[in-house]
Amino acid sequence: MILPCEVGVKTVLPAVKAIMARTIVQKHGLNERETANLLGLSQSAVSRYVARERGGNLISIENTAEILSLIDEMVLTILK
């Protein structure tokens, strides 16, 4: 039996990390190494998130305005 929290960790969390990484690199102009340090990830993970090779394969949340707004708030908090 798969618990709901396991589904979230394996699908939702990677999608959120991918959007956060892309937002920080593309919208806020930090490089992949700086982004990795902020998010507690490796530079290669950030590179794969930015290239869309990781994080969005199992669930797509990029077209949900409410979720994107919350992610933007999280990114701004991290950048402060």
N, C-alpha and C. Protein backbone atom coordinates (compact mmCIF):
# COMPACT_ATOMS: atom_id res chain seq x y z
N MET A 1 0.84 -1.18 0.00
CA MET A 1 0.00 0.00 0.00
C MET A 1 0.89 1.25 0.00
N ILE A 2 0.57 2.19 -0.85
CA ILE A 2 1.31 3.45 -0.93
C ILE A 2 0.53 4.51 -0.16
N LEU A 3 1.21 5.13 0.77
CA LEU A 3 0.58 6.18 1.58
C LEU A 3 0.51 7.49 0.79
N PRO A 4 -0.48 8.32 1.08
CA PRO A 4 -0.60 9.61 0.38
C PRO A 4 0.66 10.48 0.49
N CYS A 5 1.32 10.43 1.64
CA CYS A 5 2.54 11.24 1.78
C CYS A 5 3.64 10.76 0.84
N GLU A 6 3.68 9.46 0.56
CA GLU A 6 4.66 8.93 -0.38
C GLU A 6 4.39 9.44 -1.79
N VAL A 7 3.14 9.53 -2.16
CA VAL A 7 2.76 10.05 -3.48
C VAL A 7 3.24 11.49 -3.60
N GLY A 8 3.01 12.27 -2.55
CA GLY A 8 3.44 13.67 -2.56
C GLY A 8 4.93 13.81 -2.69
N VAL A 9 5.68 13.01 -1.95
CA VAL A 9 7.14 13.09 -1.97
C VAL A 9 7.69 12.68 -3.32
N LYS A 10 7.06 11.74 -3.97
CA LYS A 10 7.58 11.22 -5.23
C LYS A 10 7.08 11.96 -6.46
N THR A 11 6.00 12.73 -6.33
CA THR A 11 5.45 13.42 -7.51
C THR A 11 5.37 14.93 -7.33
N VAL A 12 4.74 15.38 -6.27
CA VAL A 12 4.51 16.81 -6.09
C VAL A 12 5.80 17.54 -5.72
N LEU A 13 6.53 17.03 -4.75
CA LEU A 13 7.74 17.70 -4.30
C LEU A 13 8.77 17.92 -5.42
N PRO A 14 9.06 16.91 -6.24
CA PRO A 14 9.99 17.16 -7.36
C PRO A 14 9.48 18.22 -8.34
N ALA A 15 8.17 18.24 -8.58
CA ALA A 15 7.61 19.25 -9.49
C ALA A 15 7.78 20.65 -8.90
N VAL A 16 7.57 20.79 -7.60
CA VAL A 16 7.73 22.09 -6.94
C VAL A 16 9.20 22.51 -6.97
N LYS A 17 10.10 21.59 -6.67
CA LYS A 17 11.54 21.91 -6.71
C LYS A 17 11.95 22.36 -8.11
N ALA A 18 11.42 21.70 -9.13
CA ALA A 18 11.76 22.05 -10.51
C ALA A 18 11.31 23.47 -10.83
N ILE A 19 10.09 23.81 -10.45
CA ILE A 19 9.58 25.16 -10.73
C ILE A 19 10.39 26.19 -9.95
N MET A 20 10.70 25.88 -8.70
CA MET A 20 11.49 26.82 -7.89
C MET A 20 12.87 27.03 -8.52
N ALA A 21 13.52 25.97 -8.92
CA ALA A 21 14.85 26.08 -9.52
C ALA A 21 14.80 26.91 -10.80
N ARG A 22 13.84 26.59 -11.67
CA ARG A 22 13.72 27.36 -12.93
C ARG A 22 13.42 28.82 -12.66
N THR A 23 12.55 29.10 -11.70
CA THR A 23 12.19 30.49 -11.38
C THR A 23 13.40 31.26 -10.89
N ILE A 24 14.17 30.66 -10.00
CA ILE A 24 15.34 31.35 -9.44
C ILE A 24 16.37 31.63 -10.53
N VAL A 25 16.61 30.65 -11.39
CA VAL A 25 17.61 30.83 -12.45
C VAL A 25 17.12 31.78 -13.53
N GLN A 26 15.91 31.56 -14.02
CA GLN A 26 15.44 32.31 -15.18
C GLN A 26 14.86 33.69 -14.82
N LYS A 27 14.13 33.78 -13.74
CA LYS A 27 13.46 35.03 -13.39
C LYS A 27 14.31 35.94 -12.51
N HIS A 28 15.13 35.32 -11.65
CA HIS A 28 15.90 36.11 -10.69
C HIS A 28 17.38 36.16 -11.01
N GLY A 29 17.82 35.45 -12.04
CA GLY A 29 19.16 35.60 -12.58
C GLY A 29 20.30 34.97 -11.79
N LEU A 30 20.00 34.10 -10.85
CA LEU A 30 21.08 33.42 -10.15
C LEU A 30 21.58 32.27 -11.01
N ASN A 31 22.84 31.91 -10.84
CA ASN A 31 23.34 30.78 -11.61
C ASN A 31 22.96 29.47 -10.93
N GLU A 32 23.24 28.37 -11.58
CA GLU A 32 22.81 27.07 -11.07
C GLU A 32 23.48 26.73 -9.74
N ARG A 33 24.72 27.10 -9.56
CA ARG A 33 25.42 26.80 -8.30
C ARG A 33 24.80 27.57 -7.14
N GLU A 34 24.52 28.86 -7.36
CA GLU A 34 23.89 29.67 -6.31
C GLU A 34 22.49 29.13 -5.98
N THR A 35 21.77 28.75 -7.02
CA THR A 35 20.43 28.19 -6.84
C THR A 35 20.50 26.88 -6.05
N ALA A 36 21.45 26.05 -6.39
CA ALA A 36 21.63 24.78 -5.69
C ALA A 36 21.90 25.02 -4.21
N ASN A 37 22.75 25.98 -3.90
CA ASN A 37 23.05 26.29 -2.50
C ASN A 37 21.82 26.76 -1.76
N LEU A 38 21.02 27.60 -2.39
CA LEU A 38 19.80 28.10 -1.75
C LEU A 38 18.80 26.99 -1.47
N LEU A 39 18.67 26.06 -2.41
CA LEU A 39 17.67 25.01 -2.30
C LEU A 39 18.18 23.73 -1.64
N GLY A 40 19.46 23.68 -1.34
CA GLY A 40 20.02 22.48 -0.73
C GLY A 40 20.09 21.31 -1.69
N LEU A 41 20.37 21.62 -2.94
CA LEU A 41 20.46 20.62 -4.00
C LEU A 41 21.85 20.63 -4.60
N SER A 42 22.14 19.64 -5.44
CA SER A 42 23.39 19.67 -6.19
C SER A 42 23.21 20.56 -7.42
N GLN A 43 24.32 21.04 -7.94
CA GLN A 43 24.26 21.86 -9.15
C GLN A 43 23.71 21.05 -10.31
N SER A 44 24.06 19.78 -10.37
CA SER A 44 23.57 18.94 -11.48
C SER A 44 22.05 18.73 -11.39
N ALA A 45 21.52 18.64 -10.17
CA ALA A 45 20.06 18.51 -10.02
C ALA A 45 19.37 19.77 -10.54
N VAL A 46 19.91 20.93 -10.18
CA VAL A 46 19.34 22.19 -10.66
C VAL A 46 19.42 22.25 -12.18
N SER A 47 20.55 21.85 -12.74
CA SER A 47 20.70 21.84 -14.19
C SER A 47 19.63 20.97 -14.85
N ARG A 48 19.37 19.81 -14.27
CA ARG A 48 18.35 18.92 -14.83
C ARG A 48 16.95 19.47 -14.65
N TYR A 49 16.69 20.17 -13.53
CA TYR A 49 15.39 20.82 -13.35
C TYR A 49 15.19 21.92 -14.39
N VAL A 50 16.21 22.73 -14.59
CA VAL A 50 16.12 23.85 -15.54
C VAL A 50 15.93 23.33 -16.96
N ALA A 51 16.60 22.24 -17.30
CA ALA A 51 16.50 21.65 -18.64
C ALA A 51 15.23 20.81 -18.81
N ARG A 52 14.43 20.73 -17.75
CA ARG A 52 13.18 19.96 -17.75
C ARG A 52 13.42 18.46 -17.97
N GLU A 53 14.57 17.98 -17.51
CA GLU A 53 14.89 16.56 -17.58
C GLU A 53 14.51 15.85 -16.29
N ARG A 54 14.09 16.62 -15.31
CA ARG A 54 13.79 16.06 -13.99
C ARG A 54 12.70 16.90 -13.33
N GLY A 55 11.82 16.25 -12.59
CA GLY A 55 10.90 16.96 -11.74
C GLY A 55 9.49 17.18 -12.25
N GLY A 56 9.24 17.07 -13.51
CA GLY A 56 7.90 17.34 -13.99
C GLY A 56 7.29 16.21 -14.78
N ASN A 57 7.89 15.05 -14.67
CA ASN A 57 7.45 13.93 -15.51
C ASN A 57 6.17 13.26 -15.03
N LEU A 58 5.95 13.26 -13.72
CA LEU A 58 4.82 12.50 -13.19
C LEU A 58 3.58 13.34 -12.93
N ILE A 59 3.77 14.64 -12.72
CA ILE A 59 2.63 15.52 -12.44
C ILE A 59 2.95 16.90 -13.00
N SER A 60 1.97 17.53 -13.59
CA SER A 60 2.16 18.87 -14.13
C SER A 60 1.35 19.86 -13.30
N ILE A 61 2.06 20.78 -12.65
CA ILE A 61 1.39 21.80 -11.84
C ILE A 61 1.68 23.21 -12.36
N GLU A 62 2.38 23.29 -13.48
CA GLU A 62 2.79 24.59 -14.00
C GLU A 62 1.64 25.42 -14.56
N ASN A 63 0.52 24.83 -14.81
CA ASN A 63 -0.62 25.57 -15.35
C ASN A 63 -1.65 25.92 -14.28
N THR A 64 -1.27 25.80 -13.04
CA THR A 64 -2.17 26.09 -11.93
C THR A 64 -1.72 27.40 -11.28
N ALA A 65 -2.44 28.48 -11.57
CA ALA A 65 -2.04 29.81 -11.13
C ALA A 65 -1.88 29.92 -9.61
N GLU A 66 -2.77 29.30 -8.88
CA GLU A 66 -2.70 29.37 -7.42
C GLU A 66 -1.42 28.73 -6.88
N ILE A 67 -1.06 27.61 -7.44
CA ILE A 67 0.17 26.93 -7.01
C ILE A 67 1.39 27.75 -7.39
N LEU A 68 1.39 28.28 -8.61
CA LEU A 68 2.52 29.10 -9.04
C LEU A 68 2.68 30.34 -8.17
N SER A 69 1.59 30.92 -7.74
CA SER A 69 1.65 32.07 -6.85
C SER A 69 2.29 31.69 -5.51
N LEU A 70 1.91 30.55 -4.98
CA LEU A 70 2.50 30.08 -3.72
C LEU A 70 3.99 29.79 -3.88
N ILE A 71 4.36 29.19 -5.00
CA ILE A 71 5.77 28.91 -5.26
C ILE A 71 6.55 30.20 -5.38
N ASP A 72 5.99 31.21 -6.06
CA ASP A 72 6.66 32.51 -6.16
C ASP A 72 6.90 33.12 -4.78
N GLU A 73 5.92 32.99 -3.89
CA GLU A 73 6.09 33.49 -2.53
C GLU A 73 7.22 32.76 -1.81
N MET A 74 7.29 31.45 -1.99
CA MET A 74 8.37 30.67 -1.38
C MET A 74 9.73 31.10 -1.91
N VAL A 75 9.81 31.31 -3.22
CA VAL A 75 11.07 31.73 -3.84
C VAL A 75 11.50 33.08 -3.28
N LEU A 76 10.58 34.03 -3.21
CA LEU A 76 10.92 35.35 -2.67
C LEU A 76 11.39 35.26 -1.23
N THR A 77 10.78 34.40 -0.45
CA THR A 77 11.18 34.21 0.94
C THR A 77 12.60 33.64 1.01
N ILE A 78 12.90 32.68 0.17
CA ILE A 78 14.24 32.08 0.15
C ILE A 78 15.28 33.10 -0.28
N LEU A 79 14.95 33.93 -1.25
CA LEU A 79 15.90 34.91 -1.76
C LEU A 79 16.20 36.02 -0.75
N LYS A 80 15.26 36.26 0.15
CA LYS A 80 15.49 37.28 1.19
C LYS A 80 16.45 36.74 2.20
